PDB file of N, CA and C in Angstrom:
ATOM      1  N   GLN A   1     -19.530  -1.442  12.038  1.00  0.00           N
ATOM      2  CA  GLN A   1     -19.769  -2.218  10.826  1.00  0.00           C
ATOM      3  C   GLN A   1     -18.421  -2.665  10.254  1.00  0.00           C
ATOM      4  N   THR A   2     -18.339  -3.912   9.868  1.00  0.00           N
ATOM      5  CA  THR A   2     -17.113  -4.419   9.258  1.00  0.00           C
ATOM      6  C   THR A   2     -17.273  -4.490   7.756  1.00  0.00           C
ATOM      7  N   VAL A   3     -16.178  -4.274   7.064  1.00  0.00           N
ATOM      8  CA  VAL A   3     -16.180  -4.325   5.605  1.00  0.00           C
ATOM      9  C   VAL A   3     -15.257  -5.464   5.193  1.00  0.00           C
ATOM     10  N   PRO A   4     -15.742  -6.342   4.330  1.00  0.00           N
ATOM     11  CA  PRO A   4     -14.864  -7.415   3.872  1.00  0.00           C
ATOM     12  C   PRO A   4     -13.574  -6.849   3.275  1.00  0.00           C
ATOM     13  N   LEU A   5     -12.483  -7.544   3.467  1.00  0.00           N
ATOM     14  CA  LEU A   5     -11.172  -7.084   3.049  1.00  0.00           C
ATOM     15  C   LEU A   5     -11.143  -6.720   1.566  1.00  0.00           C
ATOM     16  N   GLU A   6     -11.740  -7.537   0.728  1.00  0.00           N
ATOM     17  CA  GLU A   6     -11.696  -7.285  -0.703  1.00  0.00           C
ATOM     18  C   GLU A   6     -12.331  -5.939  -1.047  1.00  0.00           C
ATOM     19  N   GLU A   7     -13.457  -5.624  -0.453  1.00  0.00           N
ATOM     20  CA  GLU A   7     -14.118  -4.348  -0.728  1.00  0.00           C
ATOM     21  C   GLU A   7     -13.261  -3.190  -0.243  1.00  0.00           C
ATOM     22  N   ASN A   8     -12.660  -3.351   0.922  1.00  0.00           N
ATOM     23  CA  ASN A   8     -11.808  -2.312   1.472  1.00  0.00           C
ATOM     24  C   ASN A   8     -10.608  -2.058   0.560  1.00  0.00           C
ATOM     25  N   GLU A   9     -10.008  -3.117   0.034  1.00  0.00           N
ATOM     26  CA  GLU A   9      -8.868  -2.970  -0.857  1.00  0.00           C
ATOM     27  C   GLU A   9      -9.271  -2.264  -2.151  1.00  0.00           C
ATOM     28  N   ILE A  10     -10.406  -2.615  -2.703  1.00  0.00           N
ATOM     29  CA  ILE A  10     -10.872  -1.995  -3.939  1.00  0.00           C
ATOM     30  C   ILE A  10     -11.142  -0.520  -3.709  1.00  0.00           C
ATOM     31  N   ALA A  11     -11.773  -0.192  -2.605  1.00  0.00           N
ATOM     32  CA  ALA A  11     -12.054   1.222  -2.303  1.00  0.00           C
ATOM     33  C   ALA A  11     -10.757   1.986  -2.152  1.00  0.00           C
ATOM     34  N   HIS A  12      -9.788   1.396  -1.469  1.00  0.00           N
ATOM     35  CA  HIS A  12      -8.507   2.065  -1.272  1.00  0.00           C
ATOM     36  C   HIS A  12      -7.783   2.260  -2.592  1.00  0.00           C
ATOM     37  N   GLU A  13      -7.811   1.243  -3.443  1.00  0.00           N
ATOM     38  CA  GLU A  13      -7.138   1.331  -4.733  1.00  0.00           C
ATOM     39  C   GLU A  13      -7.765   2.393  -5.626  1.00  0.00           C
ATOM     40  N   SER A  14      -9.056   2.508  -5.593  1.00  0.00           N
ATOM     41  CA  SER A  14      -9.716   3.472  -6.459  1.00  0.00           C
ATOM     42  C   SER A  14      -9.452   4.896  -6.012  1.00  0.00           C
ATOM     43  N   GLN A  15      -9.086   5.068  -4.748  1.00  0.00           N
ATOM     44  CA  GLN A  15      -8.776   6.402  -4.240  1.00  0.00           C
ATOM     45  C   GLN A  15      -7.291   6.715  -4.374  1.00  0.00           C
ATOM     46  N   GLY A  16      -6.514   5.799  -4.967  1.00  0.00           N
ATOM     47  CA  GLY A  16      -5.069   5.954  -5.073  1.00  0.00           C
ATOM     48  C   GLY A  16      -4.679   7.204  -5.832  1.00  0.00           C
ATOM     49  N   ASP A  17      -3.569   7.759  -5.442  1.00  0.00           N
ATOM     50  CA  ASP A  17      -3.007   8.943  -6.079  1.00  0.00           C
ATOM     51  C   ASP A  17      -2.206   8.474  -7.281  1.00  0.00           C
ATOM     52  N   THR A  18      -2.600   8.872  -8.482  1.00  0.00           N
ATOM     53  CA  THR A  18      -1.931   8.386  -9.679  1.00  0.00           C
ATOM     54  C   THR A  18      -0.470   8.825  -9.741  1.00  0.00           C
ATOM     55  N   GLU A  19      -0.164  10.010  -9.237  1.00  0.00           N
ATOM     56  CA  GLU A  19       1.226  10.467  -9.233  1.00  0.00           C
ATOM     57  C   GLU A  19       2.080   9.570  -8.331  1.00  0.00           C
ATOM     58  N   THR A  20       1.555   9.223  -7.166  1.00  0.00           N
ATOM     59  CA  THR A  20       2.269   8.344  -6.256  1.00  0.00           C
ATOM     60  C   THR A  20       2.425   6.956  -6.880  1.00  0.00           C
ATOM     61  N   ASP A  21       1.375   6.466  -7.519  1.00  0.00           N
ATOM     62  CA  ASP A  21       1.443   5.166  -8.183  1.00  0.00           C
ATOM     63  C   ASP A  21       2.503   5.159  -9.265  1.00  0.00           C
ATOM     64  N   GLU A  22       2.593   6.240 -10.026  1.00  0.00           N
ATOM     65  CA  GLU A  22       3.590   6.332 -11.084  1.00  0.00           C
ATOM     66  C   GLU A  22       5.002   6.364 -10.504  1.00  0.00           C
ATOM     67  N   ARG A  23       5.178   7.102  -9.414  1.00  0.00           N
ATOM     68  CA  ARG A  23       6.502   7.181  -8.781  1.00  0.00           C
ATOM     69  C   ARG A  23       6.905   5.819  -8.236  1.00  0.00           C
ATOM     70  N   LEU A  24       5.952   5.086  -7.658  1.00  0.00           N
ATOM     71  CA  LEU A  24       6.244   3.746  -7.152  1.00  0.00           C
ATOM     72  C   LEU A  24       6.629   2.814  -8.297  1.00  0.00           C
ATOM     73  N   ALA A  25       5.946   2.927  -9.420  1.00  0.00           N
ATOM     74  CA  ALA A  25       6.267   2.089 -10.579  1.00  0.00           C
ATOM     75  C   ALA A  25       7.677   2.391 -11.084  1.00  0.00           C
ATOM     76  N   VAL A  26       8.050   3.671 -11.108  1.00  0.00           N
ATOM     77  CA  VAL A  26       9.389   4.053 -11.536  1.00  0.00           C
ATOM     78  C   VAL A  26      10.422   3.528 -10.537  1.00  0.00           C
ATOM     79  N   LEU A  27      10.142   3.664  -9.241  1.00  0.00           N
ATOM     80  CA  LEU A  27      11.057   3.160  -8.215  1.00  0.00           C
ATOM     81  C   LEU A  27      11.257   1.649  -8.358  1.00  0.00           C
ATOM     82  N   GLN A  28      10.174   0.918  -8.571  1.00  0.00           N
ATOM     83  CA  GLN A  28      10.277  -0.522  -8.753  1.00  0.00           C
ATOM     84  C   GLN A  28      11.144  -0.879  -9.974  1.00  0.00           C
ATOM     85  N   LYS A  29      10.969  -0.119 -11.041  1.00  0.00           N
ATOM     86  CA  LYS A  29      11.739  -0.340 -12.253  1.00  0.00           C
ATOM     87  C   LYS A  29      13.236  -0.096 -12.002  1.00  0.00           C
ATOM     88  N   VAL A  30      13.547   0.982 -11.290  1.00  0.00           N
ATOM     89  CA  VAL A  30      14.943   1.312 -10.980  1.00  0.00           C
ATOM     90  C   VAL A  30      15.563   0.237 -10.086  1.00  0.00           C
ATOM     91  N   ILE A  31      14.837  -0.171  -9.058  1.00  0.00           N
ATOM     92  CA  ILE A  31      15.345  -1.195  -8.144  1.00  0.00           C
ATOM     93  C   ILE A  31      15.562  -2.521  -8.879  1.00  0.00           C
ATOM     94  N   ALA A  32      14.645  -2.880  -9.744  1.00  0.00           N
ATOM     95  CA  ALA A  32      14.751  -4.136 -10.493  1.00  0.00           C
ATOM     96  C   ALA A  32      15.986  -4.160 -11.388  1.00  0.00           C
ATOM     97  N   ALA A  33      16.428  -2.997 -11.835  1.00  0.00           N
ATOM     98  CA  ALA A  33      17.576  -2.920 -12.738  1.00  0.00           C
ATOM     99  C   ALA A  33      18.922  -2.938 -11.992  1.00  0.00           C
ATOM    100  N   LEU A  34      18.882  -2.848 -10.678  1.00  0.00           N
ATOM    101  CA  LEU A  34      20.137  -2.838  -9.917  1.00  0.00           C
ATOM    102  C   LEU A  34      20.761  -4.228  -9.877  1.00  0.00           C
ATOM    103  N   PRO A  35      22.089  -4.275  -9.709  1.00  0.00           N
ATOM    104  CA  PRO A  35      22.749  -5.575  -9.501  1.00  0.00           C
ATOM    105  C   PRO A  35      22.225  -6.224  -8.226  1.00  0.00           C
ATOM    106  N   PRO A  36      22.304  -7.544  -8.117  1.00  0.00           N
ATOM    107  CA  PRO A  36      21.700  -8.256  -6.983  1.00  0.00           C
ATOM    108  C   PRO A  36      22.085  -7.733  -5.591  1.00  0.00           C
ATOM    109  N   LEU A  37      23.367  -7.463  -5.357  1.00  0.00           N
ATOM    110  CA  LEU A  37      23.782  -6.980  -4.038  1.00  0.00           C
ATOM    111  C   LEU A  37      23.165  -5.620  -3.728  1.00  0.00           C
ATOM    112  N   ASP A  38      23.204  -4.722  -4.694  1.00  0.00           N
ATOM    113  CA  ASP A  38      22.631  -3.391  -4.504  1.00  0.00           C
ATOM    114  C   ASP A  38      21.118  -3.478  -4.299  1.00  0.00           C
ATOM    115  N   ARG A  39      20.462  -4.345  -5.069  1.00  0.00           N
ATOM    116  CA  ARG A  39      19.010  -4.527  -4.926  1.00  0.00           C
ATOM    117  C   ARG A  39      18.682  -5.041  -3.533  1.00  0.00           C
ATOM    118  N   GLY A  40      19.472  -5.996  -3.045  1.00  0.00           N
ATOM    119  CA  GLY A  40      19.274  -6.509  -1.693  1.00  0.00           C
ATOM    120  C   GLY A  40      19.445  -5.433  -0.643  1.00  0.00           C
ATOM    121  N   LEU A  41      20.483  -4.614  -0.802  1.00  0.00           N
ATOM    122  CA  LEU A  41      20.721  -3.515   0.134  1.00  0.00           C
ATOM    123  C   LEU A  41      19.516  -2.569   0.189  1.00  0.00           C
ATOM    124  N   VAL A  42      19.052  -2.162  -0.979  1.00  0.00           N
ATOM    125  CA  VAL A  42      17.933  -1.217  -1.041  1.00  0.00           C
ATOM    126  C   VAL A  42      16.674  -1.836  -0.448  1.00  0.00           C
ATOM    127  N   LEU A  43      16.389  -3.074  -0.795  1.00  0.00           N
ATOM    128  CA  LEU A  43      15.167  -3.709  -0.296  1.00  0.00           C
ATOM    129  C   LEU A  43      15.199  -3.893   1.211  1.00  0.00           C
ATOM    130  N   LEU A  44      16.347  -4.296   1.757  1.00  0.00           N
ATOM    131  CA  LEU A  44      16.454  -4.426   3.210  1.00  0.00           C
ATOM    132  C   LEU A  44      16.311  -3.067   3.888  1.00  0.00           C
ATOM    133  N   TYR A  45      16.881  -2.042   3.273  1.00  0.00           N
ATOM    134  CA  TYR A  45      16.739  -0.679   3.804  1.00  0.00           C
ATOM    135  C   TYR A  45      15.280  -0.244   3.800  1.00  0.00           C
ATOM    136  N   LEU A  46      14.599  -0.504   2.688  1.00  0.00           N
ATOM    137  CA  LEU A  46      13.185  -0.112   2.580  1.00  0.00           C
ATOM    138  C   LEU A  46      12.302  -0.889   3.550  1.00  0.00           C
ATOM    139  N   GLU A  47      12.757  -2.075   3.948  1.00  0.00           N
ATOM    140  CA  GLU A  47      12.030  -2.871   4.950  1.00  0.00           C
ATOM    141  C   GLU A  47      12.376  -2.424   6.362  1.00  0.00           C
ATOM    142  N   GLU A  48      13.163  -1.349   6.456  1.00  0.00           N
ATOM    143  CA  GLU A  48      13.529  -0.701   7.720  1.00  0.00           C
ATOM    144  C   GLU A  48      14.397  -1.566   8.637  1.00  0.00           C
ATOM    145  N   HIS A  49      15.268  -2.370   8.030  1.00  0.00           N
ATOM    146  CA  HIS A  49      16.243  -3.115   8.813  1.00  0.00           C
ATOM    147  C   HIS A  49      17.379  -2.179   9.188  1.00  0.00           C
ATOM    148  N   SER A  50      17.988  -2.400  10.333  1.00  0.00           N
ATOM    149  CA  SER A  50      19.113  -1.575  10.769  1.00  0.00           C
ATOM    150  C   SER A  50      20.339  -1.897   9.917  1.00  0.00           C
ATOM    151  N   TYR A  51      21.312  -0.987   9.942  1.00  0.00           N
ATOM    152  CA  TYR A  51      22.543  -1.228   9.214  1.00  0.00           C
ATOM    153  C   TYR A  51      23.223  -2.486   9.741  1.00  0.00           C
ATOM    154  N   ARG A  52      23.125  -2.728  11.027  1.00  0.00           N
ATOM    155  CA  ARG A  52      23.725  -3.923  11.631  1.00  0.00           C
ATOM    156  C   ARG A  52      23.077  -5.189  11.058  1.00  0.00           C
ATOM    157  N   GLU A  53      21.739  -5.168  10.960  1.00  0.00           N
ATOM    158  CA  GLU A  53      21.033  -6.332  10.416  1.00  0.00           C
ATOM    159  C   GLU A  53      21.379  -6.552   8.940  1.00  0.00           C
ATOM    160  N   ILE A  54      21.413  -5.465   8.185  1.00  0.00           N
ATOM    161  CA  ILE A  54      21.742  -5.553   6.760  1.00  0.00           C
ATOM    162  C   ILE A  54      23.150  -6.108   6.592  1.00  0.00           C
ATOM    163  N   ALA A  55      24.078  -5.604   7.405  1.00  0.00           N
ATOM    164  CA  ALA A  55      25.469  -6.061   7.343  1.00  0.00           C
ATOM    165  C   ALA A  55      25.558  -7.558   7.626  1.00  0.00           C
ATOM    166  N   ALA A  56      24.807  -8.016   8.625  1.00  0.00           N
ATOM    167  CA  ALA A  56      24.844  -9.433   8.982  1.00  0.00           C
ATOM    168  C   ALA A  56      24.273 -10.307   7.865  1.00  0.00           C
ATOM    169  N   VAL A  57      23.196  -9.865   7.252  1.00  0.00           N
ATOM    170  CA  VAL A  57      22.556 -10.640   6.182  1.00  0.00           C
ATOM    171  C   VAL A  57      23.444 -10.718   4.952  1.00  0.00           C
ATOM    172  N   LEU A  58      24.078  -9.586   4.601  1.00  0.00           N
ATOM    173  CA  LEU A  58      24.842  -9.530   3.355  1.00  0.00           C
ATOM    174  C   LEU A  58      26.330  -9.786   3.529  1.00  0.00           C
ATOM    175  N   GLY A  59      26.775  -9.966   4.768  1.00  0.00           N
ATOM    176  CA  GLY A  59      28.192 -10.242   5.004  1.00  0.00           C
ATOM    177  C   GLY A  59      29.089  -9.038   4.780  1.00  0.00           C
ATOM    178  N   LEU A  60      28.593  -7.857   5.082  1.00  0.00           N
ATOM    179  CA  LEU A  60      29.349  -6.612   4.927  1.00  0.00           C
ATOM    180  C   LEU A  60      29.553  -5.970   6.295  1.00  0.00           C
ATOM    181  N   SER A  61      30.431  -4.987   6.362  1.00  0.00           N
ATOM    182  CA  SER A  61      30.568  -4.221   7.599  1.00  0.00           C
ATOM    183  C   SER A  61      29.473  -3.154   7.636  1.00  0.00           C
ATOM    184  N   GLU A  62      29.147  -2.675   8.827  1.00  0.00           N
ATOM    185  CA  GLU A  62      28.128  -1.622   8.941  1.00  0.00           C
ATOM    186  C   GLU A  62      28.568  -0.364   8.192  1.00  0.00           C
ATOM    187  N   THR A  63      29.862  -0.067   8.247  1.00  0.00           N
ATOM    188  CA  THR A  63      30.385   1.118   7.551  1.00  0.00           C
ATOM    189  C   THR A  63      30.204   0.956   6.042  1.00  0.00           C
ATOM    190  N   ASN A  64      30.473  -0.247   5.546  1.00  0.00           N
ATOM    191  CA  ASN A  64      30.307  -0.511   4.113  1.00  0.00           C
ATOM    192  C   ASN A  64      28.835  -0.386   3.715  1.00  0.00           C
ATOM    193  N   VAL A  65      27.949  -0.878   4.557  1.00  0.00           N
ATOM    194  CA  VAL A  65      26.506  -0.761   4.293  1.00  0.00           C
ATOM    195  C   VAL A  65      26.116   0.711   4.207  1.00  0.00           C
ATOM    196  N   ALA A  66      26.572   1.518   5.157  1.00  0.00           N
ATOM    197  CA  ALA A  66      26.248   2.945   5.177  1.00  0.00           C
ATOM    198  C   ALA A  66      26.756   3.643   3.919  1.00  0.00           C
ATOM    199  N   THR A  67      27.993   3.347   3.543  1.00  0.00           N
ATOM    200  CA  THR A  67      28.587   3.977   2.356  1.00  0.00           C
ATOM    201  C   THR A  67      27.837   3.562   1.099  1.00  0.00           C
ATOM    202  N   LYS A  68      27.605   2.262   0.946  1.00  0.00           N
ATOM    203  CA  LYS A  68      26.904   1.760  -0.245  1.00  0.00           C
ATOM    204  C   LYS A  68      25.480   2.328  -0.336  1.00  0.00           C
ATOM    205  N   LEU A  69      24.785   2.381   0.806  1.00  0.00           N
ATOM    206  CA  LEU A  69      23.416   2.902   0.794  1.00  0.00           C
ATOM    207  C   LEU A  69      23.395   4.384   0.421  1.00  0.00           C
ATOM    208  N   HIS A  70      24.344   5.140   0.916  1.00  0.00           N
ATOM    209  CA  HIS A  70      24.414   6.563   0.572  1.00  0.00           C
ATOM    210  C   HIS A  70      24.554   6.719  -0.945  1.00  0.00           C
ATOM    211  N   ARG A  71      25.480   5.964  -1.518  1.00  0.00           N
ATOM    212  CA  ARG A  71      25.700   6.041  -2.973  1.00  0.00           C
ATOM    213  C   ARG A  71      24.492   5.531  -3.756  1.00  0.00           C
ATOM    214  N   LEU A  72      23.877   4.476  -3.250  1.00  0.00           N
ATOM    215  CA  LEU A  72      22.696   3.928  -3.935  1.00  0.00           C
ATOM    216  C   LEU A  72      21.517   4.889  -3.908  1.00  0.00           C
ATOM    217  N   LYS A  73      21.327   5.569  -2.796  1.00  0.00           N
ATOM    218  CA  LYS A  73      20.233   6.551  -2.708  1.00  0.00           C
ATOM    219  C   LYS A  73      20.414   7.633  -3.771  1.00  0.00           C
ATOM    220  N   LEU A  74      21.647   8.123  -3.907  1.00  0.00           N
ATOM    221  CA  LEU A  74      21.918   9.131  -4.930  1.00  0.00           C
ATOM    222  C   LEU A  74      21.666   8.585  -6.328  1.00  0.00           C
ATOM    223  N   ARG A  75      22.124   7.358  -6.578  1.00  0.00           N
ATOM    224  CA  ARG A  75      21.953   6.730  -7.886  1.00  0.00           C
ATOM    225  C   ARG A  75      20.483   6.486  -8.215  1.00  0.00           C
ATOM    226  N   VAL A  76      19.740   5.978  -7.245  1.00  0.00           N
ATOM    227  CA  VAL A  76      18.311   5.709  -7.444  1.00  0.00           C
ATOM    228  C   VAL A  76      17.572   7.018  -7.717  1.00  0.00           C
ATOM    229  N   ARG A  77      17.905   8.052  -6.963  1.00  0.00           N
ATOM    230  CA  ARG A  77      17.265   9.364  -7.155  1.00  0.00           C
ATOM    231  C   ARG A  77      17.526   9.875  -8.578  1.00  0.00           C
ATOM    232  N   GLU A  78      18.789   9.772  -9.036  1.00  0.00           N
ATOM    233  CA  GLU A  78      19.139  10.225 -10.391  1.00  0.00           C
ATOM    234  C   GLU A  78      18.370   9.441 -11.437  1.00  0.00           C
ATOM    235  N   GLU A  79      18.332   8.120 -11.293  1.00  0.00           N
ATOM    236  CA  GLU A  79      17.636   7.276 -12.263  1.00  0.00           C
ATOM    237  C   GLU A  79      16.143   7.580 -12.295  1.00  0.00           C
ATOM    238  N   MET A  80      15.562   7.814 -11.118  1.00  0.00           N
ATOM    239  CA  MET A  80      14.135   8.132 -11.065  1.00  0.00           C
ATOM    240  C   MET A  80      13.861   9.453 -11.768  1.00  0.00           C
ATOM    241  N   LEU A  81      14.729  10.438 -11.573  1.00  0.00           N
ATOM    242  CA  LEU A  81      14.562  11.723 -12.259  1.00  0.00           C
ATOM    243  C   LEU A  81      14.646  11.563 -13.762  1.00  0.00           C
ATOM    244  N   LYS A  82      15.606  10.761 -14.220  1.00  0.00           N
ATOM    245  CA  LYS A  82      15.754  10.510 -15.663  1.00  0.00           C
ATOM    246  C   LYS A  82      14.485   9.884 -16.227  1.00  0.00           C
ATOM    247  N   LEU A  83      13.992   8.848 -15.546  1.00  0.00           N
ATOM    248  CA  LEU A  83      12.825   8.117 -16.029  1.00  0.00           C
ATOM    249  C   LEU A  83      11.562   8.973 -15.979  1.00  0.00           C
ATOM    250  N   THR A  84      11.401   9.789 -14.957  1.00  0.00           N
ATOM    251  CA  THR A  84      10.185  10.609 -14.873  1.00  0.00           C
ATOM    252  C   THR A  84      10.227  11.719 -15.912  1.00  0.00           C
ATOM    253  N   LYS A  85      11.414  12.262 -16.202  1.00  0.00           N
ATOM    254  CA  LYS A  85      11.525  13.277 -17.258  1.00  0.00           C
ATOM    255  C   LYS A  85      11.241  12.677 -18.625  1.00  0.00           C
ATOM    256  N   THR A  86      11.669  11.432 -18.827  1.00  0.00           N
ATOM    257  CA  THR A  86      11.450  10.741 -20.091  1.00  0.00           C
ATOM    258  C   THR A  86       9.963  10.474 -20.304  1.00  0.00           C
ATOM    259  N   ASN A  87       9.228  10.212 -19.210  1.00  0.00           N
ATOM    260  CA  ASN A  87       7.810   9.876 -19.332  1.00  0.00           C
ATOM    261  C   ASN A  87       6.914  11.096 -19.422  1.00  0.00           C
ATOM    262  N   LEU A  88       7.470  12.288 -19.315  1.00  0.00           N
ATOM    263  CA  LEU A  88       6.615  13.503 -19.377  1.00  0.00           C
ATOM    264  C   LEU A  88       6.163  13.833 -20.755  1.00  0.00           C
TER     265      LEU A  88
END
């Protein structure tokens, strides 16, 4: 039996984990507040592009991409913790 896409999406959304949804909303907020280059780095990383691909797109070296991403991950994690503690 096939289920129309719209019904499947509604069923999936209604079963959503509210904690996960909240964490995603916080992550989106943190990413949106980043400077353009950092936001691009994070988004390309989340889209699972390789460091080589990210470097080529942004005009950086692979080493620079790795260093910046490491620092950004720490920064995003800190910001998410701040925002989730504030919302408690």
